[in-house]
Amino acid sequence: MENDLVQRIASNPKYQELKAKRSSFGWWLTLAMMVVYYGFIMLVAFNKEFLSQKIGTGVMTMGIPIGFGVIVFTIVITAIYVKRANTEFDELSSAVAKAVLK
């Protein structure tokens, strides 16, 4: 029975669509995060002069807002994924469940 259920889910076209969309979207978000994070790390490693430039007359340097931006970017792309997962991906999951459990 369990193997039959797994086979019905795997062969369902909506499941294939869900799997393809979720994987593709996940890889794009992963690529974006890698570019932002490793870009920041590369700046730290190879362009300390840029990051240590003072902003204004206080103690704030360029590195602080850029580092904060990396954190904010992470939160934003997480929110984007959650929003899409709660709408499009959940709808496809529900369609698969309804089709398979009839």
C-alpha atoms as a PDB file:
ATOM      1  CA  MET A   1       0.000   0.000   0.000  1.00  0.00           C
ATOM      2  CA  GLU A   2       2.719   2.479   0.946  1.00  0.00           C
ATOM      3  CA  ASN A   3       4.738   1.784  -2.228  1.00  0.00           C
ATOM      4  CA  ASP A   4       1.581   2.262  -4.282  1.00  0.00           C
ATOM      5  CA  LEU A   5       0.962   5.655  -2.653  1.00  0.00           C
ATOM      6  CA  VAL A   6       4.549   6.730  -3.254  1.00  0.00           C
ATOM      7  CA  GLN A   7       4.290   5.642  -6.888  1.00  0.00           C
ATOM      8  CA  ARG A   8       1.010   7.549  -7.389  1.00  0.00           C
ATOM      9  CA  ILE A   9       2.526  10.694  -5.879  1.00  0.00           C
ATOM     10  CA  ALA A  10       5.737  10.434  -7.912  1.00  0.00           C
ATOM     11  CA  SER A  11       3.835   9.942 -11.169  1.00  0.00           C
ATOM     12  CA  ASN A  12       1.371  12.780 -10.556  1.00  0.00           C
ATOM     13  CA  PRO A  13       1.950  15.688 -12.996  1.00  0.00           C
ATOM     14  CA  LYS A  14       1.200  18.281 -10.294  1.00  0.00           C
ATOM     15  CA  TYR A  15       3.866  16.724  -8.082  1.00  0.00           C
ATOM     16  CA  GLN A  16       6.366  16.896 -10.936  1.00  0.00           C
ATOM     17  CA  GLU A  17       5.445  20.552 -11.437  1.00  0.00           C
ATOM     18  CA  LEU A  18       5.799  21.255  -7.706  1.00  0.00           C
ATOM     19  CA  LYS A  19       9.154  19.521  -7.537  1.00  0.00           C
ATOM     20  CA  ALA A  20      10.499  21.391 -10.584  1.00  0.00           C
ATOM     21  CA  LYS A  21       9.268  24.822  -9.460  1.00  0.00           C
ATOM     22  CA  ARG A  22      10.430  24.421  -5.871  1.00  0.00           C
ATOM     23  CA  SER A  23      13.865  23.148  -6.881  1.00  0.00           C
ATOM     24  CA  SER A  24      14.397  25.850  -9.480  1.00  0.00           C
ATOM     25  CA  PHE A  25      13.294  28.617  -7.124  1.00  0.00           C
ATOM     26  CA  GLY A  26      15.405  27.220  -4.299  1.00  0.00           C
ATOM     27  CA  TRP A  27      18.507  27.138  -6.483  1.00  0.00           C
ATOM     28  CA  TRP A  28      17.979  30.755  -7.590  1.00  0.00           C
ATOM     29  CA  LEU A  29      17.654  31.905  -3.990  1.00  0.00           C
ATOM     30  CA  THR A  30      20.710  29.864  -3.046  1.00  0.00           C
ATOM     31  CA  LEU A  31      22.700  31.466  -5.850  1.00  0.00           C
ATOM     32  CA  ALA A  32      21.595  34.950  -4.771  1.00  0.00           C
ATOM     33  CA  MET A  33      22.561  34.251  -1.153  1.00  0.00           C
ATOM     34  CA  MET A  34      25.938  32.834  -2.171  1.00  0.00           C
ATOM     35  CA  VAL A  35      26.713  35.892  -4.308  1.00  0.00           C
ATOM     36  CA  VAL A  36      25.786  38.308  -1.515  1.00  0.00           C
ATOM     37  CA  TYR A  37      27.486  36.392   1.294  1.00  0.00           C
ATOM     38  CA  TYR A  38      30.670  35.456  -0.549  1.00  0.00           C
ATOM     39  CA  GLY A  39      30.804  38.917  -2.104  1.00  0.00           C
ATOM     40  CA  PHE A  40      30.920  40.350   1.406  1.00  0.00           C
ATOM     41  CA  ILE A  41      33.551  37.810   2.478  1.00  0.00           C
ATOM     42  CA  MET A  42      35.639  38.655  -0.591  1.00  0.00           C
ATOM     43  CA  LEU A  43      35.448  42.339   0.337  1.00  0.00           C
ATOM     44  CA  VAL A  44      36.616  41.499   3.844  1.00  0.00           C
ATOM     45  CA  ALA A  45      39.474  39.403   2.484  1.00  0.00           C
ATOM     46  CA  PHE A  46      40.644  41.563  -0.406  1.00  0.00           C
ATOM     47  CA  ASN A  47      39.388  45.123   0.027  1.00  0.00           C
ATOM     48  CA  LYS A  48      39.688  46.044   3.677  1.00  0.00           C
ATOM     49  CA  GLU A  49      40.458  49.635   2.698  1.00  0.00           C
ATOM     50  CA  PHE A  50      36.993  50.038   1.178  1.00  0.00           C
ATOM     51  CA  LEU A  51      35.222  48.507   4.169  1.00  0.00           C
ATOM     52  CA  SER A  52      37.224  50.583   6.642  1.00  0.00           C
ATOM     53  CA  GLN A  53      36.288  53.918   5.033  1.00  0.00           C
ATOM     54  CA  LYS A  54      34.537  56.095   7.571  1.00  0.00           C
ATOM     55  CA  ILE A  55      31.030  57.330   6.918  1.00  0.00           C
ATOM     56  CA  GLY A  56      30.647  60.838   8.262  1.00  0.00           C
ATOM     57  CA  THR A  57      32.564  62.034  11.311  1.00  0.00           C
ATOM     58  CA  GLY A  58      31.676  59.204  13.705  1.00  0.00           C
ATOM     59  CA  VAL A  59      33.030  55.698  14.041  1.00  0.00           C
ATOM     60  CA  MET A  60      30.731  54.124  11.393  1.00  0.00           C
ATOM     61  CA  THR A  61      32.562  52.472   8.511  1.00  0.00           C
ATOM     62  CA  MET A  62      31.309  51.119   5.172  1.00  0.00           C
ATOM     63  CA  GLY A  63      31.561  47.563   6.491  1.00  0.00           C
ATOM     64  CA  ILE A  64      28.846  47.998   9.107  1.00  0.00           C
ATOM     65  CA  PRO A  65      25.941  48.903   6.788  1.00  0.00           C
ATOM     66  CA  ILE A  66      27.115  46.398   4.183  1.00  0.00           C
ATOM     67  CA  GLY A  67      27.247  43.629   6.806  1.00  0.00           C
ATOM     68  CA  PHE A  68      23.830  44.690   8.061  1.00  0.00           C
ATOM     69  CA  GLY A  69      22.630  44.583   4.450  1.00  0.00           C
ATOM     70  CA  VAL A  70      23.730  40.948   4.164  1.00  0.00           C
ATOM     71  CA  ILE A  71      21.636  40.100   7.226  1.00  0.00           C
ATOM     72  CA  VAL A  72      18.621  42.013   5.917  1.00  0.00           C
ATOM     73  CA  PHE A  73      19.006  40.344   2.511  1.00  0.00           C
ATOM     74  CA  THR A  74      18.896  36.931   4.191  1.00  0.00           C
ATOM     75  CA  ILE A  75      15.672  37.836   5.990  1.00  0.00           C
ATOM     76  CA  VAL A  76      14.122  39.208   2.801  1.00  0.00           C
ATOM     77  CA  ILE A  77      14.853  36.152   0.659  1.00  0.00           C
ATOM     78  CA  THR A  78      13.584  33.907   3.466  1.00  0.00           C
ATOM     79  CA  ALA A  79      10.339  35.906   3.511  1.00  0.00           C
ATOM     80  CA  ILE A  80      10.094  35.638  -0.280  1.00  0.00           C
ATOM     81  CA  TYR A  81      10.477  31.867  -0.100  1.00  0.00           C
ATOM     82  CA  VAL A  82       7.940  31.541   2.725  1.00  0.00           C
ATOM     83  CA  LYS A  83       5.396  33.662   0.836  1.00  0.00           C
ATOM     84  CA  ARG A  84       5.777  31.576  -2.300  1.00  0.00           C
ATOM     85  CA  ALA A  85       5.722  28.328  -0.322  1.00  0.00           C
ATOM     86  CA  ASN A  86       2.528  29.370   1.477  1.00  0.00           C
ATOM     87  CA  THR A  87       0.769  30.251  -1.769  1.00  0.00           C
ATOM     88  CA  GLU A  88       1.920  28.501  -4.905  1.00  0.00           C
ATOM     89  CA  PHE A  89       3.697  25.495  -3.386  1.00  0.00           C
ATOM     90  CA  ASP A  90       0.935  24.780  -0.852  1.00  0.00           C
ATOM     91  CA  GLU A  91      -1.698  24.938  -3.608  1.00  0.00           C
ATOM     92  CA  LEU A  92       0.240  22.416  -5.674  1.00  0.00           C
ATOM     93  CA  SER A  93       0.749  20.185  -2.621  1.00  0.00           C
ATOM     94  CA  SER A  94      -2.973  20.267  -1.905  1.00  0.00           C
ATOM     95  CA  ALA A  95      -3.775  19.423  -5.516  1.00  0.00           C
ATOM     96  CA  VAL A  96      -1.403  16.441  -5.355  1.00  0.00           C
ATOM     97  CA  ALA A  97      -2.929  15.239  -2.081  1.00  0.00           C
ATOM     98  CA  LYS A  98      -6.479  15.507  -3.439  1.00  0.00           C
ATOM     99  CA  ALA A  99      -5.601  13.705  -6.657  1.00  0.00           C
ATOM    100  CA  VAL A 100      -3.686  10.897  -4.962  1.00  0.00           C
ATOM    101  CA  LEU A 101      -5.948  10.276  -1.973  1.00  0.00           C
ATOM    102  CA  LYS A 102      -9.211   9.896  -3.940  1.00  0.00           C
END
